[in-house]
Every structure is written in C-alpha cells, then in structure tokens.
Amino acid sequence: MSQPTTGPARVCSHCDGFPAVRVTLGGRDHAGRLRTITVHCPVCHGTGTRAAHRSFTRHAQVAA
C-alpha cells in the first residue's frame, strides 16, 4: 500500500491569501502620517498558504 501524498500548497482559509495587513492605531504622528502596525495571519504565519490536508481513510475490520 502506498503512502498518501500531500498536494500543492493552498490559499490559507483564514486570511484568503492576504497574510499581512496594516492596521491603523488611530491618530497621527508629528509629521501628519497615520500610525499603523503590520499584523500577520496567526494560522499561516504570514505566508498566505497552507499545506493541503492529508486524507486518511480508515476501514473498519469486521470479525468473521
């Protein structure tokens, strides 16, 4: 029996491929620019992709 293989990486379902976003903190700095921070997706860690799910099939064995 061969081992199940993983397929190509897929787009992260939590961030939909937008792994890093800028969020405004409100207010402006002394030069008049918005204060922002960069936030990364906690699931894909900023890559935008996730490994394909491995599919395991378990067959129940019935005693004869």
PDB file of N, CA and C in Angstrom:
ATOM      1  N   MET A   1       0.856  -1.174   0.000  1.00  0.00           N
ATOM      2  CA  MET A   1       0.000   0.000   0.000  1.00  0.00           C
ATOM      3  C   MET A   1       0.895   1.229   0.000  1.00  0.00           C
ATOM      4  N   SER A   2       0.604   2.167  -0.825  1.00  0.00           N
ATOM      5  CA  SER A   2       1.417   3.383  -0.918  1.00  0.00           C
ATOM      6  C   SER A   2       0.984   4.393   0.137  1.00  0.00           C
ATOM      7  N   GLN A   3       1.900   5.259   0.507  1.00  0.00           N
ATOM      8  CA  GLN A   3       1.631   6.303   1.484  1.00  0.00           C
ATOM      9  C   GLN A   3       0.855   7.435   0.817  1.00  0.00           C
ATOM     10  N   PRO A   4      -0.096   8.044   1.523  1.00  0.00           N
ATOM     11  CA  PRO A   4      -0.798   9.196   0.952  1.00  0.00           C
ATOM     12  C   PRO A   4       0.174  10.358   0.780  1.00  0.00           C
ATOM     13  N   THR A   5       0.002  11.083  -0.277  1.00  0.00           N
ATOM     14  CA  THR A   5       0.873  12.225  -0.551  1.00  0.00           C
ATOM     15  C   THR A   5       0.112  13.516  -0.346  1.00  0.00           C
ATOM     16  N   THR A   6       0.841  14.548  -0.053  1.00  0.00           N
ATOM     17  CA  THR A   6       0.214  15.861   0.089  1.00  0.00           C
ATOM     18  C   THR A   6       0.274  16.574  -1.252  1.00  0.00           C
ATOM     19  N   GLY A   7      -0.739  17.348  -1.533  1.00  0.00           N
ATOM     20  CA  GLY A   7      -0.798  18.079  -2.789  1.00  0.00           C
ATOM     21  C   GLY A   7      -0.088  19.410  -2.671  1.00  0.00           C
ATOM     22  N   PRO A   8      -0.272  20.254  -3.648  1.00  0.00           N
ATOM     23  CA  PRO A   8       0.363  21.570  -3.614  1.00  0.00           C
ATOM     24  C   PRO A   8      -0.231  22.428  -2.497  1.00  0.00           C
ATOM     25  N   ALA A   9       0.495  23.452  -2.115  1.00  0.00           N
ATOM     26  CA  ALA A   9       0.019  24.355  -1.067  1.00  0.00           C
ATOM     27  C   ALA A   9      -1.236  25.068  -1.541  1.00  0.00           C
ATOM     28  N   ARG A  10      -2.120  25.342  -0.617  1.00  0.00           N
ATOM     29  CA  ARG A  10      -3.385  26.017  -0.937  1.00  0.00           C
ATOM     30  C   ARG A  10      -3.435  27.361  -0.234  1.00  0.00           C
ATOM     31  N   VAL A  11      -4.327  28.212  -0.695  1.00  0.00           N
ATOM     32  CA  VAL A  11      -4.507  29.528  -0.089  1.00  0.00           C
ATOM     33  C   VAL A  11      -5.067  29.336   1.318  1.00  0.00           C
ATOM     34  N   CYS A  12      -4.514  30.059   2.265  1.00  0.00           N
ATOM     35  CA  CYS A  12      -4.951  29.968   3.654  1.00  0.00           C
ATOM     36  C   CYS A  12      -6.425  30.350   3.760  1.00  0.00           C
ATOM     37  N   SER A  13      -7.200  29.510   4.424  1.00  0.00           N
ATOM     38  CA  SER A  13      -8.641  29.761   4.533  1.00  0.00           C
ATOM     39  C   SER A  13      -8.967  30.860   5.547  1.00  0.00           C
ATOM     40  N   HIS A  14      -8.030  31.200   6.392  1.00  0.00           N
ATOM     41  CA  HIS A  14      -8.293  32.228   7.399  1.00  0.00           C
ATOM     42  C   HIS A  14      -8.042  33.641   6.878  1.00  0.00           C
ATOM     43  N   CYS A  15      -7.010  33.801   6.039  1.00  0.00           N
ATOM     44  CA  CYS A  15      -6.692  35.151   5.557  1.00  0.00           C
ATOM     45  C   CYS A  15      -6.952  35.308   4.055  1.00  0.00           C
ATOM     46  N   ASP A  16      -7.385  34.251   3.381  1.00  0.00           N
ATOM     47  CA  ASP A  16      -7.683  34.263   1.940  1.00  0.00           C
ATOM     48  C   ASP A  16      -6.515  34.758   1.098  1.00  0.00           C
ATOM     49  N   GLY A  17      -5.294  34.457   1.526  1.00  0.00           N
ATOM     50  CA  GLY A  17      -4.122  34.825   0.736  1.00  0.00           C
ATOM     51  C   GLY A  17      -3.601  36.227   0.995  1.00  0.00           C
ATOM     52  N   PHE A  18      -4.181  36.930   1.968  1.00  0.00           N
ATOM     53  CA  PHE A  18      -3.693  38.256   2.355  1.00  0.00           C
ATOM     54  C   PHE A  18      -3.110  38.134   3.755  1.00  0.00           C
ATOM     55  N   PRO A  19      -1.886  37.601   3.877  1.00  0.00           N
ATOM     56  CA  PRO A  19      -1.347  37.221   5.186  1.00  0.00           C
ATOM     57  C   PRO A  19      -0.869  38.375   6.059  1.00  0.00           C
ATOM     58  N   ALA A  20      -0.579  39.510   5.478  1.00  0.00           N
ATOM     59  CA  ALA A  20      -0.110  40.648   6.269  1.00  0.00           C
ATOM     60  C   ALA A  20      -0.938  41.870   5.908  1.00  0.00           C
ATOM     61  N   VAL A  21      -1.434  42.537   6.930  1.00  0.00           N
ATOM     62  CA  VAL A  21      -2.246  43.739   6.705  1.00  0.00           C
ATOM     63  C   VAL A  21      -1.747  44.852   7.603  1.00  0.00           C
ATOM     64  N   ARG A  22      -2.016  46.071   7.220  1.00  0.00           N
ATOM     65  CA  ARG A  22      -1.687  47.244   8.035  1.00  0.00           C
ATOM     66  C   ARG A  22      -2.964  47.692   8.738  1.00  0.00           C
ATOM     67  N   VAL A  23      -2.836  47.922  10.025  1.00  0.00           N
ATOM     68  CA  VAL A  23      -3.965  48.355  10.835  1.00  0.00           C
ATOM     69  C   VAL A  23      -3.625  49.716  11.419  1.00  0.00           C
ATOM     70  N   THR A  24      -4.558  50.664  11.283  1.00  0.00           N
ATOM     71  CA  THR A  24      -4.309  51.988  11.848  1.00  0.00           C
ATOM     72  C   THR A  24      -4.589  51.971  13.343  1.00  0.00           C
ATOM     73  N   LEU A  25      -3.772  52.676  14.082  1.00  0.00           N
ATOM     74  CA  LEU A  25      -3.922  52.752  15.533  1.00  0.00           C
ATOM     75  C   LEU A  25      -4.769  53.940  15.949  1.00  0.00           C
ATOM     76  N   GLY A  26      -5.137  54.755  14.998  1.00  0.00           N
ATOM     77  CA  GLY A  26      -5.892  55.960  15.319  1.00  0.00           C
ATOM     78  C   GLY A  26      -4.929  57.092  15.613  1.00  0.00           C
ATOM     79  N   GLY A  27      -5.262  58.258  15.162  1.00  0.00           N
ATOM     80  CA  GLY A  27      -4.386  59.408  15.390  1.00  0.00           C
ATOM     81  C   GLY A  27      -3.258  59.461  14.374  1.00  0.00           C
ATOM     82  N   ARG A  28      -2.477  60.506  14.464  1.00  0.00           N
ATOM     83  CA  ARG A  28      -1.378  60.726  13.532  1.00  0.00           C
ATOM     84  C   ARG A  28      -0.117  61.081  14.294  1.00  0.00           C
ATOM     85  N   ASP A  29       1.038  60.865  13.650  1.00  0.00           N
ATOM     86  CA  ASP A  29       2.301  61.236  14.289  1.00  0.00           C
ATOM     87  C   ASP A  29       2.569  62.722  14.069  1.00  0.00           C
ATOM     88  N   HIS A  30       3.706  63.201  14.523  1.00  0.00           N
ATOM     89  CA  HIS A  30       4.001  64.633  14.442  1.00  0.00           C
ATOM     90  C   HIS A  30       4.168  65.128  13.000  1.00  0.00           C
ATOM     91  N   ALA A  31       4.413  64.219  12.050  1.00  0.00           N
ATOM     92  CA  ALA A  31       4.548  64.608  10.648  1.00  0.00           C
ATOM     93  C   ALA A  31       3.202  64.552   9.909  1.00  0.00           C
ATOM     94  N   GLY A  32       2.154  64.110  10.591  1.00  0.00           N
ATOM     95  CA  GLY A  32       0.837  64.064   9.980  1.00  0.00           C
ATOM     96  C   GLY A  32       0.491  62.727   9.340  1.00  0.00           C
ATOM     97  N   ARG A  33       1.348  61.732   9.476  1.00  0.00           N
ATOM     98  CA  ARG A  33       1.073  60.408   8.893  1.00  0.00           C
ATOM     99  C   ARG A  33       0.299  59.544   9.879  1.00  0.00           C
ATOM    100  N   LEU A  34      -0.535  58.642   9.321  1.00  0.00           N
ATOM    101  CA  LEU A  34      -1.281  57.719  10.175  1.00  0.00           C
ATOM    102  C   LEU A  34      -0.323  56.750  10.855  1.00  0.00           C
ATOM    103  N   ARG A  35      -0.577  56.449  12.126  1.00  0.00           N
ATOM    104  CA  ARG A  35       0.212  55.448  12.835  1.00  0.00           C
ATOM    105  C   ARG A  35      -0.382  54.082  12.514  1.00  0.00           C
ATOM    106  N   THR A  36       0.442  53.173  11.992  1.00  0.00           N
ATOM    107  CA  THR A  36      -0.026  51.842  11.615  1.00  0.00           C
ATOM    108  C   THR A  36       0.907  50.773  12.165  1.00  0.00           C
ATOM    109  N   ILE A  37       0.376  49.557  12.278  1.00  0.00           N
ATOM    110  CA  ILE A  37       1.175  48.387  12.622  1.00  0.00           C
ATOM    111  C   ILE A  37       0.880  47.309  11.582  1.00  0.00           C
ATOM    112  N   THR A  38       1.811  46.388  11.395  1.00  0.00           N
ATOM    113  CA  THR A  38       1.613  45.264  10.489  1.00  0.00           C
ATOM    114  C   THR A  38       1.207  44.050  11.300  1.00  0.00           C
ATOM    115  N   VAL A  39       0.141  43.386  10.869  1.00  0.00           N
ATOM    116  CA  VAL A  39      -0.365  42.202  11.556  1.00  0.00           C
ATOM    117  C   VAL A  39      -0.295  41.030  10.585  1.00  0.00           C
ATOM    118  N   HIS A  40       0.261  39.904  11.062  1.00  0.00           N
ATOM    119  CA  HIS A  40       0.364  38.698  10.241  1.00  0.00           C
ATOM    120  C   HIS A  40      -0.686  37.678  10.668  1.00  0.00           C
ATOM    121  N   CYS A  41      -1.122  36.882   9.711  1.00  0.00           N
ATOM    122  CA  CYS A  41      -2.111  35.831   9.974  1.00  0.00           C
ATOM    123  C   CYS A  41      -1.521  34.827  10.966  1.00  0.00           C
ATOM    124  N   PRO A  42      -2.235  34.532  12.058  1.00  0.00           N
ATOM    125  CA  PRO A  42      -1.706  33.600  13.044  1.00  0.00           C
ATOM    126  C   PRO A  42      -1.726  32.143  12.589  1.00  0.00           C
ATOM    127  N   VAL A  43      -2.501  31.827  11.566  1.00  0.00           N
ATOM    128  CA  VAL A  43      -2.602  30.442  11.107  1.00  0.00           C
ATOM    129  C   VAL A  43      -1.480  30.086  10.144  1.00  0.00           C
ATOM    130  N   CYS A  44      -1.238  30.934   9.143  1.00  0.00           N
ATOM    131  CA  CYS A  44      -0.210  30.629   8.132  1.00  0.00           C
ATOM    132  C   CYS A  44       1.105  31.336   8.421  1.00  0.00           C
ATOM    133  N   HIS A  45       1.154  32.132   9.476  1.00  0.00           N
ATOM    134  CA  HIS A  45       2.358  32.856   9.891  1.00  0.00           C
ATOM    135  C   HIS A  45       2.907  33.764   8.798  1.00  0.00           C
ATOM    136  N   GLY A  46       2.016  34.406   8.059  1.00  0.00           N
ATOM    137  CA  GLY A  46       2.431  35.396   7.073  1.00  0.00           C
ATOM    138  C   GLY A  46       2.831  34.856   5.721  1.00  0.00           C
ATOM    139  N   THR A  47       2.565  33.579   5.437  1.00  0.00           N
ATOM    140  CA  THR A  47       2.921  33.029   4.128  1.00  0.00           C
ATOM    141  C   THR A  47       1.775  33.107   3.127  1.00  0.00           C
ATOM    142  N   GLY A  48       0.542  33.078   3.599  1.00  0.00           N
ATOM    143  CA  GLY A  48      -0.624  33.131   2.711  1.00  0.00           C
ATOM    144  C   GLY A  48      -1.041  31.779   2.171  1.00  0.00           C
ATOM    145  N   THR A  49      -0.293  30.737   2.493  1.00  0.00           N
ATOM    146  CA  THR A  49      -0.634  29.396   2.018  1.00  0.00           C
ATOM    147  C   THR A  49      -0.616  28.414   3.181  1.00  0.00           C
ATOM    148  N   ARG A  50      -1.306  27.308   2.979  1.00  0.00           N
ATOM    149  CA  ARG A  50      -1.306  26.216   3.952  1.00  0.00           C
ATOM    150  C   ARG A  50      -1.099  24.923   3.196  1.00  0.00           C
ATOM    151  N   ALA A  51      -0.525  23.960   3.839  1.00  0.00           N
ATOM    152  CA  ALA A  51      -0.325  22.659   3.212  1.00  0.00           C
ATOM    153  C   ALA A  51      -1.683  22.009   2.966  1.00  0.00           C
ATOM    154  N   ALA A  52      -1.767  21.245   1.907  1.00  0.00           N
ATOM    155  CA  ALA A  52      -3.009  20.544   1.610  1.00  0.00           C
ATOM    156  C   ALA A  52      -3.273  19.524   2.707  1.00  0.00           C
ATOM    157  N   HIS A  53      -4.538  19.303   2.996  1.00  0.00           N
ATOM    158  CA  HIS A  53      -4.896  18.346   4.029  1.00  0.00           C
ATOM    159  C   HIS A  53      -4.634  16.934   3.535  1.00  0.00           C
ATOM    160  N   ARG A  54      -4.103  16.119   4.418  1.00  0.00           N
ATOM    161  CA  ARG A  54      -3.883  14.721   4.067  1.00  0.00           C
ATOM    162  C   ARG A  54      -5.171  13.971   4.327  1.00  0.00           C
ATOM    163  N   SER A  55      -5.539  13.145   3.409  1.00  0.00           N
ATOM    164  CA  SER A  55      -6.764  12.392   3.525  1.00  0.00           C
ATOM    165  C   SER A  55      -6.440  10.963   3.948  1.00  0.00           C
ATOM    166  N   PHE A  56      -6.915  10.595   5.108  1.00  0.00           N
ATOM    167  CA  PHE A  56      -6.717   9.239   5.597  1.00  0.00           C
ATOM    168  C   PHE A  56      -8.059   8.524   5.566  1.00  0.00           C
ATOM    169  N   THR A  57      -8.051   7.322   5.062  1.00  0.00           N
ATOM    170  CA  THR A  57      -9.266   6.528   5.033  1.00  0.00           C
ATOM    171  C   THR A  57      -9.080   5.365   5.981  1.00  0.00           C
ATOM    172  N   ARG A  58      -9.953   5.246   6.932  1.00  0.00           N
ATOM    173  CA  ARG A  58      -9.874   4.164   7.898  1.00  0.00           C
ATOM    174  C   ARG A  58     -10.982   3.175   7.580  1.00  0.00           C
ATOM    175  N   HIS A  59     -10.602   1.953   7.379  1.00  0.00           N
ATOM    176  CA  HIS A  59     -11.577   0.901   7.101  1.00  0.00           C
ATOM    177  C   HIS A  59     -11.801   0.088   8.360  1.00  0.00           C
ATOM    178  N   ALA A  60     -13.041  -0.125   8.699  1.00  0.00           N
ATOM    179  CA  ALA A  60     -13.358  -0.931   9.863  1.00  0.00           C
ATOM    180  C   ALA A  60     -13.199  -2.401   9.504  1.00  0.00           C
ATOM    181  N   GLN A  61     -12.558  -3.134  10.378  1.00  0.00           N
ATOM    182  CA  GLN A  61     -12.407  -4.563  10.147  1.00  0.00           C
ATOM    183  C   GLN A  61     -13.492  -5.277  10.951  1.00  0.00           C
ATOM    184  N   VAL A  62     -14.165  -6.168  10.295  1.00  0.00           N
ATOM    185  CA  VAL A  62     -15.266  -6.895  10.925  1.00  0.00           C
ATOM    186  C   VAL A  62     -14.773  -8.317  11.200  1.00  0.00           C
ATOM    187  N   ALA A  63     -14.949  -8.749  12.426  1.00  0.00           N
ATOM    188  CA  ALA A  63     -14.541 -10.117  12.780  1.00  0.00           C
ATOM    189  C   ALA A  63     -15.552 -11.095  12.180  1.00  0.00           C
ATOM    190  N   ALA A  64     -15.026 -12.143  11.582  1.00  0.00           N
ATOM    191  CA  ALA A  64     -15.902 -13.120  10.912  1.00  0.00           C
ATOM    192  C   ALA A  64     -16.368 -14.180  11.855  1.00  0.00           C
TER     193      ALA A  64
END
